[in-house]
Protein backbone atom coordinates (compact mmCIF):
# COMPACT_ATOMS: atom_id res chain seq x y z
CA MET A 1 -58.14 69.74 24.61
CA THR A 2 -59.67 70.89 27.88
CA ASP A 3 -57.27 73.84 28.03
CA THR A 4 -58.25 74.88 24.51
CA ILE A 5 -61.96 74.89 25.32
CA ASN A 6 -61.45 76.59 28.69
CA ASN A 7 -59.47 79.38 27.07
CA VAL A 8 -62.32 80.01 24.67
CA VAL A 9 -64.93 80.02 27.42
CA MET A 10 -62.84 82.29 29.65
CA ASN A 11 -62.51 84.71 26.77
CA ALA A 12 -66.31 84.93 26.65
CA LYS A 13 -66.27 86.48 30.15
CA ASP A 14 -64.72 89.66 28.78
CA ALA A 15 -66.95 92.69 28.29
CA LEU A 16 -66.74 92.17 24.53
CA PRO A 17 -66.28 88.46 23.71
CA THR A 18 -64.06 87.78 20.75
CA ILE A 19 -63.10 84.78 18.69
CA PHE A 20 -59.90 83.19 19.98
CA GLU A 21 -58.00 80.44 18.17
CA GLY A 22 -54.54 80.88 19.67
CA GLU A 23 -51.59 83.27 19.66
CA THR A 24 -49.04 81.50 17.46
CA ILE A 25 -49.38 79.78 14.09
CA GLU A 26 -48.80 76.43 15.78
CA GLU A 27 -51.50 77.08 18.40
CA ILE A 28 -54.00 78.23 15.78
CA ARG A 29 -53.29 75.23 13.56
CA LEU A 30 -53.72 72.80 16.47
CA HIS A 31 -56.92 74.52 17.57
CA ARG A 32 -58.40 74.38 14.06
CA LYS A 33 -57.53 70.71 13.67
CA ARG A 34 -59.07 69.88 17.04
CA MET A 35 -62.24 71.79 16.26
CA LEU A 36 -62.36 70.01 12.91
CA LEU A 37 -62.21 66.67 14.73
CA ALA A 38 -64.96 67.72 17.14
CA ALA A 39 -67.13 68.78 14.19
CA PHE A 40 -66.63 65.46 12.42
CA ARG A 41 -67.50 63.47 15.53
CA LEU A 42 -70.62 65.59 16.09
CA PHE A 43 -71.68 65.09 12.47
CA GLY A 44 -71.23 61.36 13.00
CA LYS A 45 -73.20 61.42 16.24
CA PHE A 46 -76.05 63.30 14.55
CA GLY A 47 -76.15 60.87 11.61
CA PHE A 48 -74.95 63.27 8.93
CA ASP A 49 -72.67 60.63 7.39
CA GLU A 50 -73.73 58.88 4.18
CA GLY A 51 -71.19 56.43 2.79
CA LEU A 52 -68.30 58.33 1.24
CA ALA A 53 -70.23 61.62 1.12
CA GLY A 54 -69.53 64.60 3.34
CA HIS A 55 -66.54 66.73 4.20
CA ILE A 56 -65.48 69.61 6.41
CA THR A 57 -62.41 71.70 5.68
CA VAL A 58 -60.40 74.37 7.45
CA ARG A 59 -57.74 76.63 5.97
CA ASP A 60 -54.21 76.25 7.29
CA PRO A 61 -53.25 79.47 9.14
CA GLU A 62 -49.79 79.59 7.56
CA ARG A 63 -50.17 78.05 4.11
CA LEU A 64 -53.31 79.92 3.13
CA ASP A 65 -53.76 77.98 -0.12
CA HIS A 66 -53.90 74.69 1.81
CA PHE A 67 -56.73 73.18 3.82
CA TRP A 68 -57.17 70.31 6.27
CA VAL A 69 -59.83 67.75 5.40
CA ASN A 70 -60.98 64.21 6.17
CA PRO A 71 -59.56 61.44 3.97
CA MET A 72 -62.03 59.52 1.85
CA GLY A 73 -63.47 56.37 3.38
CA VAL A 74 -62.89 57.22 7.06
CA SER A 75 -66.08 57.42 9.12
CA PHE A 76 -67.00 60.67 10.82
CA LYS A 77 -67.64 58.51 13.89
CA GLN A 78 -64.08 57.16 14.01
CA ILE A 79 -61.80 59.77 12.44
CA LYS A 80 -58.77 60.78 14.52
CA GLN A 81 -56.44 63.75 14.45
CA SER A 82 -53.59 61.69 13.02
CA GLN A 83 -55.76 60.85 9.99
CA LEU A 84 -56.42 64.42 8.82
CA ILE A 85 -54.78 65.32 5.53
CA LEU A 86 -53.45 68.66 4.34
CA VAL A 87 -54.28 69.46 0.70
CA ASN A 88 -53.21 72.32 -1.53
CA HIS A 89 -55.41 74.05 -4.10
CA GLN A 90 -53.92 71.88 -6.84
CA GLY A 91 -55.28 68.75 -5.18
CA ASP A 92 -51.99 67.41 -3.81
CA VAL A 93 -51.94 65.73 -0.41
CA VAL A 94 -48.89 67.39 1.16
CA GLU A 95 -49.27 66.05 4.69
CA GLY A 96 -50.86 62.92 6.06
CA GLU A 97 -51.89 59.69 4.39
CA GLY A 98 -55.09 58.70 2.65
CA PHE A 99 -57.13 59.43 -0.46
CA LEU A 100 -58.61 62.83 -1.20
CA ASN A 101 -62.34 62.80 -1.92
CA GLY A 102 -62.76 64.24 -5.43
CA ALA A 103 -65.98 66.05 -4.55
CA ALA A 104 -64.37 67.54 -1.45
CA PHE A 105 -61.58 68.98 -3.57
CA ALA A 106 -63.87 70.20 -6.38
CA ILE A 107 -66.12 72.09 -3.96
CA HIS A 108 -63.87 73.20 -1.12
CA SER A 109 -60.81 74.23 -3.13
CA GLN A 110 -62.96 76.63 -5.13
CA ILE A 111 -64.69 78.05 -2.06
CA HIS A 112 -61.41 78.64 -0.26
CA SER A 113 -59.86 80.16 -3.40
CA ALA A 114 -62.77 82.47 -4.18
CA HIS A 115 -63.50 83.54 -0.62
CA PRO A 116 -60.35 84.40 1.37
CA GLU A 117 -62.54 85.43 4.33
CA VAL A 118 -63.87 81.86 4.57
CA ASN A 119 -61.63 79.62 6.64
CA ALA A 120 -63.96 76.65 7.03
CA ALA A 121 -66.67 74.94 5.01
CA ALA A 122 -68.98 72.02 5.77
CA HIS A 123 -71.01 69.82 3.45
CA ALA A 124 -72.87 66.58 4.08
CA HIS A 125 -75.81 64.58 2.76
CA SER A 126 -77.86 64.92 5.94
CA LEU A 127 -81.41 63.55 5.80
CA TYR A 128 -83.47 66.71 6.22
CA GLY A 129 -81.05 68.91 4.32
CA LYS A 130 -81.09 66.76 1.21
CA THR A 131 -84.85 66.30 1.51
CA TRP A 132 -85.40 70.06 1.68
CA SER A 133 -82.94 70.60 -1.19
CA SER A 134 -85.15 68.54 -3.49
CA LEU A 135 -87.84 71.24 -3.22
CA GLY A 136 -85.60 73.85 -4.85
CA LYS A 137 -86.39 76.52 -2.26
CA THR A 138 -84.58 78.58 0.33
CA LEU A 139 -85.69 78.42 3.96
CA ASP A 140 -88.38 80.72 5.31
CA PRO A 141 -87.88 82.59 8.62
CA ILE A 142 -90.53 80.57 10.49
CA THR A 143 -88.53 80.08 13.70
CA GLN A 144 -86.02 82.12 15.66
CA ASP A 145 -83.30 79.62 14.76
CA ALA A 146 -84.10 79.82 11.04
CA CYS A 147 -83.61 83.59 11.25
CA ALA A 148 -79.87 82.90 11.41
CA PHE A 149 -80.17 82.39 7.64
CA TYR A 150 -82.46 85.35 6.92
CA LYS A 151 -81.21 86.91 3.67
CA ASP A 152 -77.94 85.05 4.28
CA HIS A 153 -78.30 81.85 2.25
CA VAL A 154 -78.85 81.01 -1.40
CA LEU A 155 -80.11 78.24 -3.65
CA PHE A 156 -77.71 76.60 -6.10
CA ASP A 157 -80.10 75.08 -8.64
CA ASP A 158 -77.62 73.74 -11.20
CA PHE A 159 -77.28 70.08 -10.21
CA THR A 160 -75.44 68.08 -12.88
CA GLY A 161 -74.51 64.97 -10.93
CA VAL A 162 -71.71 64.14 -8.47
CA VAL A 163 -69.46 67.19 -8.17
CA LEU A 164 -66.09 66.03 -9.48
CA ASP A 165 -65.31 68.92 -11.80
CA ALA A 166 -63.74 72.15 -10.58
CA SER A 167 -66.01 74.13 -12.90
CA GLU A 168 -69.06 73.16 -10.85
CA GLY A 169 -67.15 73.99 -7.68
CA LYS A 170 -66.52 77.44 -9.16
CA ARG A 171 -70.21 77.90 -9.90
CA ILE A 172 -71.10 76.91 -6.35
CA ALA A 173 -68.51 79.33 -4.95
CA LYS A 174 -69.85 82.13 -7.19
CA THR A 175 -73.46 81.45 -6.23
CA LEU A 176 -72.55 81.34 -2.54
CA GLY A 177 -71.28 84.91 -2.72
CA ASN A 178 -70.99 86.52 0.71
CA ASN A 179 -73.62 84.27 2.26
CA LYS A 180 -73.01 81.81 5.09
CA ALA A 181 -74.85 78.91 3.46
CA ALA A 182 -76.13 77.42 0.23
CA ILE A 183 -78.82 74.85 -0.44
CA LEU A 184 -77.47 72.66 -3.22
CA GLN A 185 -80.60 71.57 -5.08
CA ASN A 186 -81.10 67.77 -5.15
CA HIS A 187 -77.87 67.44 -3.19
CA GLY A 188 -77.67 68.84 0.35
CA LEU A 189 -76.44 71.74 2.45
CA LEU A 190 -73.22 73.74 2.42
CA THR A 191 -72.19 76.16 5.16
CA VAL A 192 -69.12 78.34 5.65
CA GLY A 193 -67.54 80.48 8.34
CA LYS A 194 -64.44 82.27 9.46
CA THR A 195 -63.99 79.43 11.95
CA VAL A 196 -64.69 75.71 12.01
CA GLU A 197 -66.92 76.33 15.01
CA ALA A 198 -69.21 78.68 13.10
CA ALA A 199 -69.29 76.65 9.87
CA ALA A 200 -70.15 73.46 11.78
CA TRP A 201 -72.82 75.19 13.87
CA TRP A 202 -74.45 76.73 10.82
CA PHE A 203 -74.69 73.28 9.28
CA ILE A 204 -76.17 71.70 12.40
CA THR A 205 -78.76 74.42 12.93
CA MET A 206 -79.58 74.64 9.21
CA GLU A 207 -80.25 70.90 9.12
CA ARG A 208 -82.60 71.32 12.08
CA SER A 209 -84.28 74.30 10.42
CA CYS A 210 -84.91 72.16 7.33
CA GLN A 211 -86.44 69.52 9.57
CA ALA A 212 -88.60 72.11 11.34
CA GLN A 213 -89.94 73.57 8.10
CA LEU A 214 -90.67 70.15 6.63
CA LEU A 215 -92.61 69.21 9.77
CA ALA A 216 -94.44 72.54 9.89
CA GLN A 217 -95.47 72.33 6.23
CA ALA A 218 -96.66 68.76 6.73
CA ALA A 219 -98.87 69.92 9.62
CA GLY A 220 -100.25 73.07 8.04
CA LYS A 221 -99.24 76.51 6.77
CA PRO A 222 -96.34 77.95 8.81
CA ILE A 223 -96.54 81.58 9.92
CA VAL A 224 -93.61 83.48 8.47
CA ILE A 225 -91.86 85.98 10.74
CA GLY A 226 -92.05 89.55 9.44
CA ASP A 227 -89.01 91.22 7.87
CA GLU A 228 -88.29 93.59 10.76
CA ALA A 229 -88.50 90.89 13.44
CA ALA A 230 -86.56 88.41 11.30
CA GLN A 231 -83.77 90.95 10.78
CA ALA A 232 -83.66 91.74 14.49
CA ALA A 233 -83.36 88.03 15.30
CA TYR A 234 -80.71 87.59 12.61
CA ASN A 235 -78.62 90.37 14.14
CA ILE A 236 -78.41 88.30 17.33
CA VAL A 237 -78.39 84.65 16.24
CA GLY A 238 -76.87 85.02 12.79
CA SER A 239 -73.50 86.64 13.50
CA GLU A 240 -70.16 84.87 13.20
CA LEU A 241 -69.68 85.31 16.93
CA ALA A 242 -73.05 83.70 17.65
CA GLY A 243 -72.16 80.73 15.47
CA TYR A 244 -68.77 80.36 17.11
CA PHE A 245 -70.09 80.33 20.66
CA SER A 246 -73.20 78.27 19.85
CA PHE A 247 -70.87 75.42 18.88
CA MET A 248 -69.10 75.41 22.24
CA PRO A 249 -71.59 73.52 24.49
CA MET A 250 -71.89 70.49 22.20
CA CYS A 251 -68.15 70.68 21.48
CA LYS A 252 -67.36 70.31 25.17
CA VAL A 253 -69.70 67.33 25.40
CA ILE A 254 -68.26 65.44 22.42
CA CYS A 255 -64.67 66.14 23.53
CA ALA A 256 -65.47 64.67 26.97
CA GLU A 257 -67.29 61.69 25.48
CA GLN A 258 -64.76 60.84 22.76
CA PRO A 259 -61.27 62.05 23.78
CA GLU A 260 -59.65 59.34 21.65
CA MET A 261 -60.35 61.47 18.57
CA PHE A 262 -57.22 63.49 19.38
CA ASP A 263 -54.88 60.50 19.02
């Protein structure tokens, strides 16, 4: 694990940093699974778990219509690499043991099918995200961090209950469009990326942006950043590369704290 992280950090020393997952299919697959584990453990550490709810997926680099996901009923705080399951877009568990969460399949299979550029997606019932979602509004650019979502997230306002039907997953995927995130009204947050690192970071920082706006609105009337400044901030903090590298510091910490996740 240390070698994987060090390779990524060393790559950032180049004149033009680039995303690096590995050179071979096997290296890329292992890297994605390890980053998936780190994301789960971070979500657990931050309290994003809620019973059986919540899932993060990453596309397999070889079988592009398959994705790796957490099995239902395994805590984010305790999940290990050996427990990840590989699922195809028909809902079959083709590798690993455990039950597939129906909501995970209904949402993520449709996102991965509709958006070939999306390799990873994250969804959880985090406290501030689900609280903000009940307002039926997108986030305002009131902080530099929130500018990562400036004109790059949408509201899905068609809540019909627990998502167990592929048709609702299709509607979510269609509403998401080319955006990096969606606020699922009365439900929670959904973020996507070309990498697990970016998708996980977008979720973490979006949850914090929901918290910040809720606190700001409770205290008074937040000052909204102007369009030009918000766009300039977005160009820096809202890119895929920014999301990828923003995940690295906390990834290194959780990997050092909880190395048993890779068993």
